[in-house]
Structures are given as C-alpha cells and as structure tokens.
All heavy atoms as atom14 arrays in JSON, in Angstrom:
{
  "sequence": "TCFHRFYDKIRVVDPALTRLSCERLALIDATR",
  "atom14_mask": [
    [1, 1, 1, 1, 1, 1, 1, 0, 0, 0, 0, 0, 0, 0],
    [1, 1, 1, 1, 1, 1, 0, 0, 0, 0, 0, 0, 0, 0],
    [1, 1, 1, 1, 1, 1, 1, 1, 1, 1, 1, 0, 0, 0],
    [1, 1, 1, 1, 1, 1, 1, 1, 1, 1, 0, 0, 0, 0],
    [1, 1, 1, 1, 1, 1, 1, 1, 1, 1, 1, 0, 0, 0],
    [1, 1, 1, 1, 1, 1, 1, 1, 1, 1, 1, 0, 0, 0],
    [1, 1, 1, 1, 1, 1, 1, 1, 1, 1, 1, 1, 0, 0],
    [1, 1, 1, 1, 1, 1, 1, 1, 0, 0, 0, 0, 0, 0],
    [1, 1, 1, 1, 1, 1, 1, 1, 1, 0, 0, 0, 0, 0],
    [1, 1, 1, 1, 1, 1, 1, 1, 0, 0, 0, 0, 0, 0],
    [1, 1, 1, 1, 1, 1, 1, 1, 1, 1, 1, 0, 0, 0],
    [1, 1, 1, 1, 1, 1, 1, 0, 0, 0, 0, 0, 0, 0],
    [1, 1, 1, 1, 1, 1, 1, 0, 0, 0, 0, 0, 0, 0],
    [1, 1, 1, 1, 1, 1, 1, 1, 0, 0, 0, 0, 0, 0],
    [1, 1, 1, 1, 1, 1, 1, 0, 0, 0, 0, 0, 0, 0],
    [1, 1, 1, 1, 1, 0, 0, 0, 0, 0, 0, 0, 0, 0],
    [1, 1, 1, 1, 1, 1, 1, 1, 0, 0, 0, 0, 0, 0],
    [1, 1, 1, 1, 1, 1, 1, 0, 0, 0, 0, 0, 0, 0],
    [1, 1, 1, 1, 1, 1, 1, 1, 1, 1, 1, 0, 0, 0],
    [1, 1, 1, 1, 1, 1, 1, 1, 0, 0, 0, 0, 0, 0],
    [1, 1, 1, 1, 1, 1, 0, 0, 0, 0, 0, 0, 0, 0],
    [1, 1, 1, 1, 1, 1, 0, 0, 0, 0, 0, 0, 0, 0],
    [1, 1, 1, 1, 1, 1, 1, 1, 1, 0, 0, 0, 0, 0],
    [1, 1, 1, 1, 1, 1, 1, 1, 1, 1, 1, 0, 0, 0],
    [1, 1, 1, 1, 1, 1, 1, 1, 0, 0, 0, 0, 0, 0],
    [1, 1, 1, 1, 1, 0, 0, 0, 0, 0, 0, 0, 0, 0],
    [1, 1, 1, 1, 1, 1, 1, 1, 0, 0, 0, 0, 0, 0],
    [1, 1, 1, 1, 1, 1, 1, 1, 0, 0, 0, 0, 0, 0],
    [1, 1, 1, 1, 1, 1, 1, 1, 0, 0, 0, 0, 0, 0],
    [1, 1, 1, 1, 1, 0, 0, 0, 0, 0, 0, 0, 0, 0],
    [1, 1, 1, 1, 1, 1, 1, 0, 0, 0, 0, 0, 0, 0],
    [1, 1, 1, 1, 1, 1, 1, 1, 1, 1, 1, 0, 0, 0]
  ],
  "atom14_positions": [
    [[0.84, -1.21, 0.0], [0.0, 0.0, 0.0], [0.87, 1.25, 0.0], [0.63, 2.19, -0.77], [-0.94, 0.0, 1.22], [-1.8, -1.15, 1.13], [-1.78, 1.25, 1.28], [0.0, 0.0, 0.0], [0.0, 0.0, 0.0], [0.0, 0.0, 0.0], [0.0, 0.0, 0.0], [0.0, 0.0, 0.0], [0.0, 0.0, 0.0], [0.0, 0.0, 0.0]],
    [[1.88, 1.27, 0.85], [2.78, 2.43, 0.91], [3.53, 2.6, -0.41], [3.7, 3.71, -0.9], [3.78, 2.27, 2.05], [3.06, 2.43, 3.68], [0.0, 0.0, 0.0], [0.0, 0.0, 0.0], [0.0, 0.0, 0.0], [0.0, 0.0, 0.0], [0.0, 0.0, 0.0], [0.0, 0.0, 0.0], [0.0, 0.0, 0.0], [0.0, 0.0, 0.0]],
    [[3.98, 1.49, -0.98], [4.69, 1.56, -2.25], [3.77, 2.11, -3.35], [4.19, 2.94, -4.15], [5.22, 0.19, -2.67], [5.86, 0.23, -4.03], [7.11, 0.76, -4.2], [5.17, -0.24, -5.14], [7.7, 0.84, -5.46], [5.74, -0.18, -6.4], [7.01, 0.36, -6.56], [0.0, 0.0, 0.0], [0.0, 0.0, 0.0], [0.0, 0.0, 0.0]],
    [[2.53, 1.65, -3.36], [1.59, 2.13, -4.38], [1.39, 3.64, -4.25], [1.4, 4.35, -5.26], [0.25, 1.4, -4.24], [-0.78, 1.86, -5.21], [-0.71, 1.56, -6.54], [-1.87, 2.63, -5.04], [-1.74, 2.13, -7.17], [-2.46, 2.78, -6.27], [0.0, 0.0, 0.0], [0.0, 0.0, 0.0], [0.0, 0.0, 0.0], [0.0, 0.0, 0.0]],
    [[1.23, 4.13, -3.04], [1.08, 5.58, -2.82], [2.31, 6.34, -3.3], [2.21, 7.37, -3.97], [0.84, 5.87, -1.34], [-0.58, 5.7, -0.95], [-0.81, 6.29, 0.46], [-1.66, 5.36, 1.18], [-1.39, 4.79, 2.33], [-0.27, 5.07, 2.96], [-2.22, 3.95, 2.88], [0.0, 0.0, 0.0], [0.0, 0.0, 0.0], [0.0, 0.0, 0.0]],
    [[3.49, 5.81, -2.95], [4.74, 6.43, -3.38], [4.81, 6.48, -4.9], [5.07, 7.53, -5.49], [5.93, 5.64, -2.81], [7.24, 5.91, -3.49], [7.96, 7.05, -3.18], [7.75, 5.02, -4.42], [9.17, 7.31, -3.8], [8.96, 5.27, -5.05], [9.68, 6.42, -4.74], [0.0, 0.0, 0.0], [0.0, 0.0, 0.0], [0.0, 0.0, 0.0]],
    [[4.59, 5.36, -5.55], [4.73, 5.27, -7.01], [3.68, 6.12, -7.72], [3.93, 6.65, -8.8], [4.63, 3.81, -7.44], [5.14, 3.57, -8.84], [6.51, 3.48, -9.08], [4.26, 3.44, -9.91], [6.99, 3.27, -10.36], [4.74, 3.23, -11.19], [6.1, 3.14, -11.41], [6.57, 2.95, -12.69], [0.0, 0.0, 0.0], [0.0, 0.0, 0.0]],
    [[2.52, 6.26, -7.11], [1.45, 7.05, -7.7], [1.74, 8.56, -7.61], [1.37, 9.31, -8.52], [0.13, 6.74, -6.99], [-1.08, 7.3, -7.7], [-1.15, 7.18, -8.94], [-1.96, 7.85, -7.01], [0.0, 0.0, 0.0], [0.0, 0.0, 0.0], [0.0, 0.0, 0.0], [0.0, 0.0, 0.0], [0.0, 0.0, 0.0], [0.0, 0.0, 0.0]],
    [[2.43, 8.99, -6.56], [2.64, 10.42, -6.32], [4.0, 10.96, -6.74], [4.15, 12.15, -7.0], [2.43, 10.73, -4.84], [1.01, 10.55, -4.38], [0.87, 10.86, -2.91], [-0.57, 10.63, -2.49], [-0.78, 10.91, -1.08], [0.0, 0.0, 0.0], [0.0, 0.0, 0.0], [0.0, 0.0, 0.0], [0.0, 0.0, 0.0], [0.0, 0.0, 0.0]],
    [[5.01, 10.09, -6.79], [6.38, 10.54, -7.01], [6.84, 10.16, -8.41], [6.68, 9.02, -8.85], [7.34, 9.9, -5.97], [6.92, 10.23, -4.55], [8.78, 10.29, -6.24], [6.99, 11.69, -4.19], [0.0, 0.0, 0.0], [0.0, 0.0, 0.0], [0.0, 0.0, 0.0], [0.0, 0.0, 0.0], [0.0, 0.0, 0.0], [0.0, 0.0, 0.0]],
    [[7.44, 11.12, -9.09], [8.05, 10.82, -10.38], [9.4, 10.16, -10.08], [10.31, 10.8, -9.54], [8.24, 12.11, -11.17], [8.79, 11.87, -12.53], [8.81, 13.14, -13.33], [9.29, 12.85, -14.66], [9.45, 13.73, -15.6], [9.14, 15.0, -15.35], [9.89, 13.4, -16.78], [0.0, 0.0, 0.0], [0.0, 0.0, 0.0], [0.0, 0.0, 0.0]],
    [[9.51, 8.91, -10.44], [10.7, 8.14, -10.07], [11.93, 8.6, -10.85], [12.97, 8.91, -10.27], [10.46, 6.63, -10.26], [11.72, 5.84, -9.98], [9.32, 6.17, -9.34], [0.0, 0.0, 0.0], [0.0, 0.0, 0.0], [0.0, 0.0, 0.0], [0.0, 0.0, 0.0], [0.0, 0.0, 0.0], [0.0, 0.0, 0.0], [0.0, 0.0, 0.0]],
    [[11.83, 8.62, -12.15], [12.97, 9.0, -12.98], [12.76, 10.43, -13.48], [11.79, 10.72, -14.16], [13.15, 8.03, -14.16], [14.3, 8.47, -15.06], [13.38, 6.62, -13.66], [0.0, 0.0, 0.0], [0.0, 0.0, 0.0], [0.0, 0.0, 0.0], [0.0, 0.0, 0.0], [0.0, 0.0, 0.0], [0.0, 0.0, 0.0], [0.0, 0.0, 0.0]],
    [[13.7, 11.28, -13.1], [13.67, 12.68, -13.52], [15.06, 13.01, -14.07], [16.04, 12.99, -13.32], [13.33, 13.58, -12.34], [13.15, 15.03, -12.72], [13.64, 15.44, -13.79], [12.52, 15.75, -11.94], [0.0, 0.0, 0.0], [0.0, 0.0, 0.0], [0.0, 0.0, 0.0], [0.0, 0.0, 0.0], [0.0, 0.0, 0.0], [0.0, 0.0, 0.0]],
    [[15.17, 13.27, -15.37], [16.49, 13.55, -15.97], [17.24, 14.68, -15.28], [18.47, 14.69, -15.26], [16.16, 13.93, -17.42], [14.83, 13.31, -17.68], [14.1, 13.33, -16.36], [0.0, 0.0, 0.0], [0.0, 0.0, 0.0], [0.0, 0.0, 0.0], [0.0, 0.0, 0.0], [0.0, 0.0, 0.0], [0.0, 0.0, 0.0], [0.0, 0.0, 0.0]],
    [[16.53, 15.62, -14.69], [17.19, 16.74, -14.01], [17.73, 16.34, -12.63], [18.55, 17.06, -12.06], [16.21, 17.9, -13.87], [0.0, 0.0, 0.0], [0.0, 0.0, 0.0], [0.0, 0.0, 0.0], [0.0, 0.0, 0.0], [0.0, 0.0, 0.0], [0.0, 0.0, 0.0], [0.0, 0.0, 0.0], [0.0, 0.0, 0.0], [0.0, 0.0, 0.0]],
    [[17.26, 15.22, -12.1], [17.66, 14.78, -10.76], [18.24, 13.36, -10.83], [17.66, 12.41, -10.32], [16.46, 14.83, -9.82], [15.77, 16.19, -9.68], [14.46, 16.05, -8.93], [16.69, 17.17, -8.98], [0.0, 0.0, 0.0], [0.0, 0.0, 0.0], [0.0, 0.0, 0.0], [0.0, 0.0, 0.0], [0.0, 0.0, 0.0], [0.0, 0.0, 0.0]],
    [[19.39, 13.24, -11.43], [19.98, 11.92, -11.69], [20.22, 11.13, -10.4], [19.85, 9.97, -10.3], [21.31, 12.07, -12.45], [21.07, 12.85, -13.62], [21.85, 10.71, -12.85], [0.0, 0.0, 0.0], [0.0, 0.0, 0.0], [0.0, 0.0, 0.0], [0.0, 0.0, 0.0], [0.0, 0.0, 0.0], [0.0, 0.0, 0.0], [0.0, 0.0, 0.0]],
    [[20.85, 11.77, -9.42], [21.16, 11.04, -8.18], [19.88, 10.62, -7.45], [19.76, 9.49, -6.99], [22.02, 11.9, -7.27], [22.39, 11.17, -6.01], [23.38, 11.93, -5.18], [23.66, 11.16, -3.98], [24.22, 11.67, -2.92], [24.59, 12.93, -2.9], [24.44, 10.93, -1.86], [0.0, 0.0, 0.0], [0.0, 0.0, 0.0], [0.0, 0.0, 0.0]],
    [[18.92, 11.53, -7.35], [17.66, 11.23, -6.69], [16.92, 10.11, -7.44], [16.34, 9.22, -6.82], [16.78, 12.48, -6.57], [15.47, 12.32, -5.82], [15.72, 11.84, -4.39], [14.71, 13.64, -5.8], [0.0, 0.0, 0.0], [0.0, 0.0, 0.0], [0.0, 0.0, 0.0], [0.0, 0.0, 0.0], [0.0, 0.0, 0.0], [0.0, 0.0, 0.0]],
    [[16.97, 10.14, -8.75], [16.34, 9.08, -9.55], [16.97, 7.72, -9.24], [16.26, 6.72, -9.08], [16.47, 9.38, -11.05], [15.74, 10.54, -11.4], [0.0, 0.0, 0.0], [0.0, 0.0, 0.0], [0.0, 0.0, 0.0], [0.0, 0.0, 0.0], [0.0, 0.0, 0.0], [0.0, 0.0, 0.0], [0.0, 0.0, 0.0], [0.0, 0.0, 0.0]],
    [[18.29, 7.69, -9.13], [18.99, 6.43, -8.79], [18.6, 5.95, -7.41], [18.41, 4.74, -7.19], [20.5, 6.62, -8.88], [21.11, 6.79, -10.57], [0.0, 0.0, 0.0], [0.0, 0.0, 0.0], [0.0, 0.0, 0.0], [0.0, 0.0, 0.0], [0.0, 0.0, 0.0], [0.0, 0.0, 0.0], [0.0, 0.0, 0.0], [0.0, 0.0, 0.0]],
    [[18.47, 6.87, -6.47], [18.08, 6.5, -5.11], [16.65, 5.96, -5.08], [16.35, 4.99, -4.39], [18.22, 7.69, -4.18], [19.68, 8.07, -3.94], [19.87, 9.41, -3.26], [18.87, 10.16, -3.1], [21.02, 9.72, -2.89], [0.0, 0.0, 0.0], [0.0, 0.0, 0.0], [0.0, 0.0, 0.0], [0.0, 0.0, 0.0], [0.0, 0.0, 0.0]],
    [[15.77, 6.59, -5.86], [14.39, 6.11, -5.92], [14.31, 4.74, -6.58], [13.55, 3.88, -6.13], [13.52, 7.12, -6.68], [13.28, 8.38, -5.88], [12.55, 9.42, -6.68], [12.27, 10.6, -5.86], [11.87, 11.76, -6.34], [11.68, 11.92, -7.64], [11.64, 12.76, -5.52], [0.0, 0.0, 0.0], [0.0, 0.0, 0.0], [0.0, 0.0, 0.0]],
    [[15.1, 4.52, -7.62], [15.13, 3.2, -8.26], [15.66, 2.14, -7.3], [15.18, 1.0, -7.28], [15.96, 3.25, -9.54], [15.3, 3.99, -10.7], [16.31, 4.22, -11.83], [14.08, 3.25, -11.2], [0.0, 0.0, 0.0], [0.0, 0.0, 0.0], [0.0, 0.0, 0.0], [0.0, 0.0, 0.0], [0.0, 0.0, 0.0], [0.0, 0.0, 0.0]],
    [[16.65, 2.5, -6.48], [17.17, 1.57, -5.48], [16.11, 1.24, -4.44], [15.98, 0.09, -4.01], [18.42, 2.16, -4.81], [0.0, 0.0, 0.0], [0.0, 0.0, 0.0], [0.0, 0.0, 0.0], [0.0, 0.0, 0.0], [0.0, 0.0, 0.0], [0.0, 0.0, 0.0], [0.0, 0.0, 0.0], [0.0, 0.0, 0.0], [0.0, 0.0, 0.0]],
    [[15.33, 2.25, -4.04], [14.23, 2.03, -3.09], [13.19, 1.08, -3.69], [12.71, 0.17, -3.01], [13.59, 3.36, -2.72], [12.42, 3.31, -1.76], [12.84, 2.75, -0.41], [11.82, 4.7, -1.6], [0.0, 0.0, 0.0], [0.0, 0.0, 0.0], [0.0, 0.0, 0.0], [0.0, 0.0, 0.0], [0.0, 0.0, 0.0], [0.0, 0.0, 0.0]],
    [[12.88, 1.26, -4.94], [11.92, 0.38, -5.62], [12.46, -1.04, -5.68], [11.73, -2.0, -5.41], [11.6, 0.92, -7.03], [10.75, 2.17, -6.91], [10.92, -0.14, -7.89], [10.55, 2.92, -8.21], [0.0, 0.0, 0.0], [0.0, 0.0, 0.0], [0.0, 0.0, 0.0], [0.0, 0.0, 0.0], [0.0, 0.0, 0.0], [0.0, 0.0, 0.0]],
    [[13.74, -1.2, -6.01], [14.32, -2.54, -6.08], [14.34, -3.2, -4.71], [14.04, -4.4, -4.58], [15.73, -2.48, -6.67], [16.2, -3.84, -7.14], [15.39, -4.6, -7.71], [17.39, -4.15, -6.92], [0.0, 0.0, 0.0], [0.0, 0.0, 0.0], [0.0, 0.0, 0.0], [0.0, 0.0, 0.0], [0.0, 0.0, 0.0], [0.0, 0.0, 0.0]],
    [[14.66, -2.45, -3.68], [14.65, -3.0, -2.31], [13.24, -3.44, -1.92], [13.06, -4.51, -1.31], [15.18, -1.96, -1.32], [0.0, 0.0, 0.0], [0.0, 0.0, 0.0], [0.0, 0.0, 0.0], [0.0, 0.0, 0.0], [0.0, 0.0, 0.0], [0.0, 0.0, 0.0], [0.0, 0.0, 0.0], [0.0, 0.0, 0.0], [0.0, 0.0, 0.0]],
    [[12.25, -2.64, -2.28], [10.86, -3.0, -1.99], [10.48, -4.28, -2.73], [9.83, -5.16, -2.18], [9.92, -1.85, -2.38], [10.33, -0.67, -1.69], [8.48, -2.17, -2.02], [0.0, 0.0, 0.0], [0.0, 0.0, 0.0], [0.0, 0.0, 0.0], [0.0, 0.0, 0.0], [0.0, 0.0, 0.0], [0.0, 0.0, 0.0], [0.0, 0.0, 0.0]],
    [[10.91, -4.38, -3.98], [10.64, -5.59, -4.78], [11.22, -6.84, -4.09], [10.55, -7.87, -3.97], [11.25, -5.45, -6.18], [11.08, -6.69, -7.05], [11.93, -6.61, -8.31], [13.36, -6.51, -8.05], [14.14, -7.54, -7.72], [13.63, -8.75, -7.6], [15.42, -7.37, -7.5], [0.0, 0.0, 0.0], [0.0, 0.0, 0.0], [0.0, 0.0, 0.0]]
  ]
}
C-alpha cells in the first residue's frame, strides 16, 4: 500500500535529478 502511494505520487525518474532518480530506483528494487 505504501509503495503504491509512493509510485502514484512521485516521479521516479527525472532527468534533471539523476542522483535522486537512482536512489528512488534503489528504493523500488529493495521493496521488490
């Protein structure tokens, strides 16, 4: 449920925020 809320509200990959995008992808992989 928390992951769904996160994924629904947050833009995971943002070309302007490379490091943050990598961190968000790592969070998604850890959740998986």
